[in-house]
Amino acid sequence: MKYLKSSVIAATLIIAGFPAVYAVAANPASTQLKVSGTIVGSTCTTTFPTSVKIPDINQSTFIAASVNSQLGSDIDVGNVVFTGCDGHGVTLTAKGESTLAGESSKGAFKYSNASAGTENPMFYTLGYSGGTTTGDFDLTGATSASFTAQGTSFPVKQTMKVMKNANITDLSKYTGDFTTTVLYTANYK
């Protein structure tokens, strides 16, 4: 009997152990992986040219030029430089203070002479060249130029042309300084 009692206890322990092993196999262990991150501001930055001096234009040069011809040489305005934007799309808009009526790429100047008339003797265009993209800005600001930034520093060269707009009968009314302002806006895609 002692032998039977020992055998029953041993069998009970062995059988009791099986469900525990089976339970481990039927109910695998689990846990959670918590994931977190942060969206940081763009590391793409832009620097802009801030001023340019147009060489003096004398009256005899103006009078001798034909309408819509360039007065002097191209003027290097400088570069708009996109840094840290490699491989990303960027857009650049240039909005002048005013444009000639119906001519979005022809910017108008303001004349400092108090006796200046209402005509626009000259206008300017502002060209761009970045990568394989070139053209003249829409100075109304309605259309942007699009580029794909290449490299850690991507320059977009700016070139201004000053052009004769009209034959002015009394050019002396416009003698003096002329100015304009262009507002640049850059966006990153």
C-alpha atoms as a PDB file:
ATOM      1  CA  MET A   1       0.000   0.000   0.000  1.00  0.00           C
ATOM      2  CA  LYS A   2       2.825   2.258   0.794  1.00  0.00           C
ATOM      3  CA  TYR A   3       4.089   1.623  -2.696  1.00  0.00           C
ATOM      4  CA  LEU A   4       0.698   2.448  -4.202  1.00  0.00           C
ATOM      5  CA  LYS A   5       0.381   5.622  -2.146  1.00  0.00           C
ATOM      6  CA  SER A   6       3.810   6.793  -3.273  1.00  0.00           C
ATOM      7  CA  SER A   7       2.984   5.989  -6.872  1.00  0.00           C
ATOM      8  CA  VAL A   8      -0.312   7.879  -6.724  1.00  0.00           C
ATOM      9  CA  ILE A   9       1.402  10.912  -5.216  1.00  0.00           C
ATOM     10  CA  ALA A  10       4.147  10.787  -7.838  1.00  0.00           C
ATOM     11  CA  ALA A  11       1.610  10.389 -10.643  1.00  0.00           C
ATOM     12  CA  THR A  12      -0.437  13.251  -9.251  1.00  0.00           C
ATOM     13  CA  LEU A  13       2.608  15.497  -9.133  1.00  0.00           C
ATOM     14  CA  ILE A  14       3.611  14.544 -12.664  1.00  0.00           C
ATOM     15  CA  ILE A  15       0.078  15.111 -13.987  1.00  0.00           C
ATOM     16  CA  ALA A  16      -0.233  18.337 -12.028  1.00  0.00           C
ATOM     17  CA  GLY A  17       2.964  19.579 -13.675  1.00  0.00           C
ATOM     18  CA  PHE A  18       1.700  19.043 -17.219  1.00  0.00           C
ATOM     19  CA  PRO A  19      -1.074  21.649 -17.170  1.00  0.00           C
ATOM     20  CA  ALA A  20       1.410  24.242 -15.925  1.00  0.00           C
ATOM     21  CA  VAL A  21       3.738  23.519 -18.811  1.00  0.00           C
ATOM     22  CA  TYR A  22       0.797  23.483 -21.196  1.00  0.00           C
ATOM     23  CA  ALA A  23      -0.447  26.802 -19.804  1.00  0.00           C
ATOM     24  CA  VAL A  24       2.894  28.432 -20.454  1.00  0.00           C
ATOM     25  CA  ALA A  25       2.769  27.271 -24.058  1.00  0.00           C
ATOM     26  CA  ALA A  26      -0.872  28.366 -24.503  1.00  0.00           C
ATOM     27  CA  ASN A  27      -0.398  31.804 -22.917  1.00  0.00           C
ATOM     28  CA  PRO A  28       2.858  33.325 -24.204  1.00  0.00           C
ATOM     29  CA  ALA A  29       4.321  36.246 -22.343  1.00  0.00           C
ATOM     30  CA  SER A  30       3.598  39.712 -23.740  1.00  0.00           C
ATOM     31  CA  THR A  31       4.594  43.306 -23.124  1.00  0.00           C
ATOM     32  CA  GLN A  32       4.203  46.726 -24.732  1.00  0.00           C
ATOM     33  CA  LEU A  33       6.775  48.731 -26.666  1.00  0.00           C
ATOM     34  CA  LYS A  34       6.181  52.429 -26.134  1.00  0.00           C
ATOM     35  CA  VAL A  35       7.372  54.548 -29.062  1.00  0.00           C
ATOM     36  CA  SER A  36       7.819  58.311 -28.901  1.00  0.00           C
ATOM     37  CA  GLY A  37       9.338  60.976 -31.123  1.00  0.00           C
ATOM     38  CA  THR A  38       9.380  64.673 -31.837  1.00  0.00           C
ATOM     39  CA  ILE A  39       8.771  66.687 -34.968  1.00  0.00           C
ATOM     40  CA  VAL A  40      11.256  69.524 -34.905  1.00  0.00           C
ATOM     41  CA  GLY A  41      11.231  72.715 -36.888  1.00  0.00           C
ATOM     42  CA  SER A  42      12.860  72.705 -40.285  1.00  0.00           C
ATOM     43  CA  THR A  43      16.604  72.778 -40.342  1.00  0.00           C
ATOM     44  CA  CYS A  44      16.367  74.366 -43.767  1.00  0.00           C
ATOM     45  CA  THR A  45      17.363  78.026 -43.489  1.00  0.00           C
ATOM     46  CA  THR A  46      17.520  80.848 -46.008  1.00  0.00           C
ATOM     47  CA  THR A  47      19.673  83.954 -46.311  1.00  0.00           C
ATOM     48  CA  PHE A  48      18.748  86.812 -48.618  1.00  0.00           C
ATOM     49  CA  PRO A  49      20.531  89.743 -50.235  1.00  0.00           C
ATOM     50  CA  THR A  50      19.474  92.958 -48.497  1.00  0.00           C
ATOM     51  CA  SER A  51      20.541  95.843 -50.738  1.00  0.00           C
ATOM     52  CA  VAL A  52      21.941  96.662 -54.139  1.00  0.00           C
ATOM     53  CA  LYS A  53      23.207  99.914 -55.659  1.00  0.00           C
ATOM     54  CA  ILE A  54      22.385 100.480 -59.308  1.00  0.00           C
ATOM     55  CA  PRO A  55      25.145 102.351 -61.140  1.00  0.00           C
ATOM     56  CA  ASP A  56      24.259 105.920 -62.132  1.00  0.00           C
ATOM     57  CA  ILE A  57      22.335 106.287 -65.379  1.00  0.00           C
ATOM     58  CA  ASN A  58      23.101 109.514 -67.195  1.00  0.00           C
ATOM     59  CA  GLN A  59      20.539 111.341 -69.326  1.00  0.00           C
ATOM     60  CA  SER A  60      22.464 110.935 -72.589  1.00  0.00           C
ATOM     61  CA  THR A  61      22.532 107.137 -72.161  1.00  0.00           C
ATOM     62  CA  PHE A  62      18.805 107.139 -71.419  1.00  0.00           C
ATOM     63  CA  ILE A  63      17.938 109.347 -74.421  1.00  0.00           C
ATOM     64  CA  ALA A  64      20.083 107.285 -76.833  1.00  0.00           C
ATOM     65  CA  ALA A  65      18.542 103.965 -75.745  1.00  0.00           C
ATOM     66  CA  SER A  66      15.511 102.538 -77.493  1.00  0.00           C
ATOM     67  CA  VAL A  67      12.351 101.619 -75.578  1.00  0.00           C
ATOM     68  CA  ASN A  68      12.615  98.212 -73.823  1.00  0.00           C
ATOM     69  CA  SER A  69      16.412  98.164 -74.127  1.00  0.00           C
ATOM     70  CA  GLN A  70      18.724  97.612 -71.179  1.00  0.00           C
ATOM     71  CA  LEU A  71      20.394 100.623 -69.566  1.00  0.00           C
ATOM     72  CA  GLY A  72      23.859  99.458 -68.550  1.00  0.00           C
ATOM     73  CA  SER A  73      24.925  95.928 -67.677  1.00  0.00           C
ATOM     74  CA  ASP A  74      23.304  93.177 -65.636  1.00  0.00           C
ATOM     75  CA  ILE A  75      23.452  93.978 -61.930  1.00  0.00           C
ATOM     76  CA  ASP A  76      24.491  91.188 -59.565  1.00  0.00           C
ATOM     77  CA  VAL A  77      22.031  91.419 -56.684  1.00  0.00           C
ATOM     78  CA  GLY A  78      23.579  88.500 -54.803  1.00  0.00           C
ATOM     79  CA  ASN A  79      22.346  85.030 -53.921  1.00  0.00           C
ATOM     80  CA  VAL A  80      19.416  83.701 -51.980  1.00  0.00           C
ATOM     81  CA  VAL A  81      21.032  80.722 -50.241  1.00  0.00           C
ATOM     82  CA  PHE A  82      19.127  77.689 -48.954  1.00  0.00           C
ATOM     83  CA  THR A  83      21.154  75.805 -46.316  1.00  0.00           C
ATOM     84  CA  GLY A  84      20.351  72.328 -44.995  1.00  0.00           C
ATOM     85  CA  CYS A  85      17.607  71.728 -47.576  1.00  0.00           C
ATOM     86  CA  ASP A  86      19.415  69.087 -49.677  1.00  0.00           C
ATOM     87  CA  GLY A  87      16.978  67.144 -51.854  1.00  0.00           C
ATOM     88  CA  HIS A  88      13.938  69.127 -50.731  1.00  0.00           C
ATOM     89  CA  GLY A  89      11.711  71.311 -52.836  1.00  0.00           C
ATOM     90  CA  VAL A  90      11.835  75.016 -52.099  1.00  0.00           C
ATOM     91  CA  THR A  91       9.904  77.915 -53.570  1.00  0.00           C
ATOM     92  CA  LEU A  92      10.924  81.535 -53.793  1.00  0.00           C
ATOM     93  CA  THR A  93       8.644  84.511 -54.370  1.00  0.00           C
ATOM     94  CA  ALA A  94       9.733  88.102 -55.022  1.00  0.00           C
ATOM     95  CA  LYS A  95       7.129  90.862 -54.689  1.00  0.00           C
ATOM     96  CA  GLY A  96       8.007  94.361 -55.844  1.00  0.00           C
ATOM     97  CA  GLU A  97       6.369  97.545 -54.548  1.00  0.00           C
ATOM     98  CA  SER A  98       4.593  97.975 -57.873  1.00  0.00           C
ATOM     99  CA  THR A  99       4.716  96.735 -61.438  1.00  0.00           C
ATOM    100  CA  LEU A 100       3.938  98.263 -64.791  1.00  0.00           C
ATOM    101  CA  ALA A 101       0.273  97.828 -65.704  1.00  0.00           C
ATOM    102  CA  GLY A 102      -0.289  94.348 -67.115  1.00  0.00           C
ATOM    103  CA  GLU A 103       3.413  93.443 -66.857  1.00  0.00           C
ATOM    104  CA  SER A 104       3.971  91.206 -63.825  1.00  0.00           C
ATOM    105  CA  SER A 105       7.716  90.779 -64.437  1.00  0.00           C
ATOM    106  CA  LYS A 106       8.401  94.511 -64.904  1.00  0.00           C
ATOM    107  CA  GLY A 107       8.900  96.354 -61.626  1.00  0.00           C
ATOM    108  CA  ALA A 108       8.367 100.102 -61.321  1.00  0.00           C
ATOM    109  CA  PHE A 109      10.632 102.555 -59.510  1.00  0.00           C
ATOM    110  CA  LYS A 110       9.741 105.487 -57.239  1.00  0.00           C
ATOM    111  CA  TYR A 111      11.478 108.771 -58.111  1.00  0.00           C
ATOM    112  CA  SER A 112      12.688 111.157 -55.396  1.00  0.00           C
ATOM    113  CA  ASN A 113      12.463 114.347 -57.448  1.00  0.00           C
ATOM    114  CA  ALA A 114       9.411 116.266 -56.265  1.00  0.00           C
ATOM    115  CA  SER A 115       8.643 117.407 -59.804  1.00  0.00           C
ATOM    116  CA  ALA A 116       8.639 113.877 -61.239  1.00  0.00           C
ATOM    117  CA  GLY A 117       5.721 113.185 -63.496  1.00  0.00           C
ATOM    118  CA  THR A 118       3.418 110.196 -63.550  1.00  0.00           C
ATOM    119  CA  GLU A 119       5.266 108.347 -66.293  1.00  0.00           C
ATOM    120  CA  ASN A 120       7.577 105.422 -65.628  1.00  0.00           C
ATOM    121  CA  PRO A 121      10.749 106.174 -67.575  1.00  0.00           C
ATOM    122  CA  MET A 122      12.414 102.940 -66.441  1.00  0.00           C
ATOM    123  CA  PHE A 123      11.534  99.513 -65.142  1.00  0.00           C
ATOM    124  CA  TYR A 124      13.499  96.576 -63.800  1.00  0.00           C
ATOM    125  CA  THR A 125      13.386  92.819 -64.084  1.00  0.00           C
ATOM    126  CA  LEU A 126      14.703  90.490 -61.409  1.00  0.00           C
ATOM    127  CA  GLY A 127      16.045  87.223 -62.759  1.00  0.00           C
ATOM    128  CA  TYR A 128      16.951  84.057 -60.921  1.00  0.00           C
ATOM    129  CA  SER A 129      19.185  81.098 -61.635  1.00  0.00           C
ATOM    130  CA  GLY A 130      19.357  78.077 -59.340  1.00  0.00           C
ATOM    131  CA  GLY A 131      20.401  74.618 -60.487  1.00  0.00           C
ATOM    132  CA  THR A 132      18.750  74.117 -63.863  1.00  0.00           C
ATOM    133  CA  THR A 133      15.924  76.586 -63.163  1.00  0.00           C
ATOM    134  CA  THR A 134      16.156  80.107 -64.579  1.00  0.00           C
ATOM    135  CA  GLY A 135      13.713  82.897 -65.323  1.00  0.00           C
ATOM    136  CA  ASP A 136      12.368  86.260 -64.236  1.00  0.00           C
ATOM    137  CA  PHE A 137      10.330  86.674 -61.071  1.00  0.00           C
ATOM    138  CA  ASP A 138       6.652  87.541 -61.204  1.00  0.00           C
ATOM    139  CA  LEU A 139       6.985  90.782 -59.217  1.00  0.00           C
ATOM    140  CA  THR A 140       3.304  90.779 -58.234  1.00  0.00           C
ATOM    141  CA  GLY A 141       4.174  87.875 -55.915  1.00  0.00           C
ATOM    142  CA  ALA A 142       1.421  85.727 -57.456  1.00  0.00           C
ATOM    143  CA  THR A 143       3.760  83.053 -58.833  1.00  0.00           C
ATOM    144  CA  SER A 144       6.719  81.393 -57.141  1.00  0.00           C
ATOM    145  CA  ALA A 145       9.862  79.958 -58.655  1.00  0.00           C
ATOM    146  CA  SER A 146      10.387  76.313 -57.627  1.00  0.00           C
ATOM    147  CA  PHE A 147      13.713  74.589 -57.074  1.00  0.00           C
ATOM    148  CA  THR A 148      15.033  71.306 -55.716  1.00  0.00           C
ATOM    149  CA  ALA A 149      17.822  72.232 -53.327  1.00  0.00           C
ATOM    150  CA  GLN A 150      21.052  70.419 -54.131  1.00  0.00           C
ATOM    151  CA  GLY A 151      23.854  70.085 -51.596  1.00  0.00           C
ATOM    152  CA  THR A 152      24.087  71.515 -48.106  1.00  0.00           C
ATOM    153  CA  SER A 153      24.258  75.066 -49.481  1.00  0.00           C
ATOM    154  CA  PHE A 154      22.120  75.835 -52.549  1.00  0.00           C
ATOM    155  CA  PRO A 155      22.512  79.348 -54.038  1.00  0.00           C
ATOM    156  CA  VAL A 156      19.913  80.980 -56.270  1.00  0.00           C
ATOM    157  CA  LYS A 157      21.636  83.832 -58.113  1.00  0.00           C
ATOM    158  CA  GLN A 158      19.674  87.096 -58.491  1.00  0.00           C
ATOM    159  CA  THR A 159      20.299  89.410 -61.446  1.00  0.00           C
ATOM    160  CA  MET A 160      18.607  92.763 -62.046  1.00  0.00           C
ATOM    161  CA  LYS A 161      18.259  94.533 -65.379  1.00  0.00           C
ATOM    162  CA  VAL A 162      17.262  98.199 -65.600  1.00  0.00           C
ATOM    163  CA  MET A 163      15.373  98.908 -68.803  1.00  0.00           C
ATOM    164  CA  LYS A 164      14.065 101.972 -70.618  1.00  0.00           C
ATOM    165  CA  ASN A 165      10.274 102.002 -70.512  1.00  0.00           C
ATOM    166  CA  ALA A 166       9.355 105.090 -72.512  1.00  0.00           C
ATOM    167  CA  ASN A 167      10.674 108.122 -74.336  1.00  0.00           C
ATOM    168  CA  ILE A 168      10.201 110.972 -71.872  1.00  0.00           C
ATOM    169  CA  THR A 169       9.912 114.489 -73.281  1.00  0.00           C
ATOM    170  CA  ASP A 170      11.154 116.222 -70.137  1.00  0.00           C
ATOM    171  CA  LEU A 171      13.570 113.771 -68.545  1.00  0.00           C
ATOM    172  CA  SER A 172      14.893 116.466 -66.185  1.00  0.00           C
ATOM    173  CA  LYS A 173      11.723 116.012 -64.086  1.00  0.00           C
ATOM    174  CA  TYR A 174      13.101 112.613 -63.101  1.00  0.00           C
ATOM    175  CA  THR A 175      16.664 113.682 -62.303  1.00  0.00           C
ATOM    176  CA  GLY A 176      17.567 112.385 -58.853  1.00  0.00           C
ATOM    177  CA  ASP A 177      17.365 109.132 -56.960  1.00  0.00           C
ATOM    178  CA  PHE A 178      15.052 106.255 -57.726  1.00  0.00           C
ATOM    179  CA  THR A 179      14.250 103.348 -55.408  1.00  0.00           C
ATOM    180  CA  THR A 180      12.156 100.259 -54.964  1.00  0.00           C
ATOM    181  CA  THR A 181      11.802  97.442 -52.472  1.00  0.00           C
ATOM    182  CA  VAL A 182      11.422  93.732 -53.156  1.00  0.00           C
ATOM    183  CA  LEU A 183       9.979  91.369 -50.543  1.00  0.00           C
ATOM    184  CA  TYR A 184      11.317  87.809 -50.745  1.00  0.00           C
ATOM    185  CA  THR A 185       9.383  84.841 -49.356  1.00  0.00           C
ATOM    186  CA  ALA A 186      10.822  81.314 -49.179  1.00  0.00           C
ATOM    187  CA  ASN A 187       8.831  78.157 -48.488  1.00  0.00           C
ATOM    188  CA  TYR A 188       9.971  74.587 -47.986  1.00  0.00           C
ATOM    189  CA  LYS A 189       8.094  71.537 -49.233  1.00  0.00           C
END
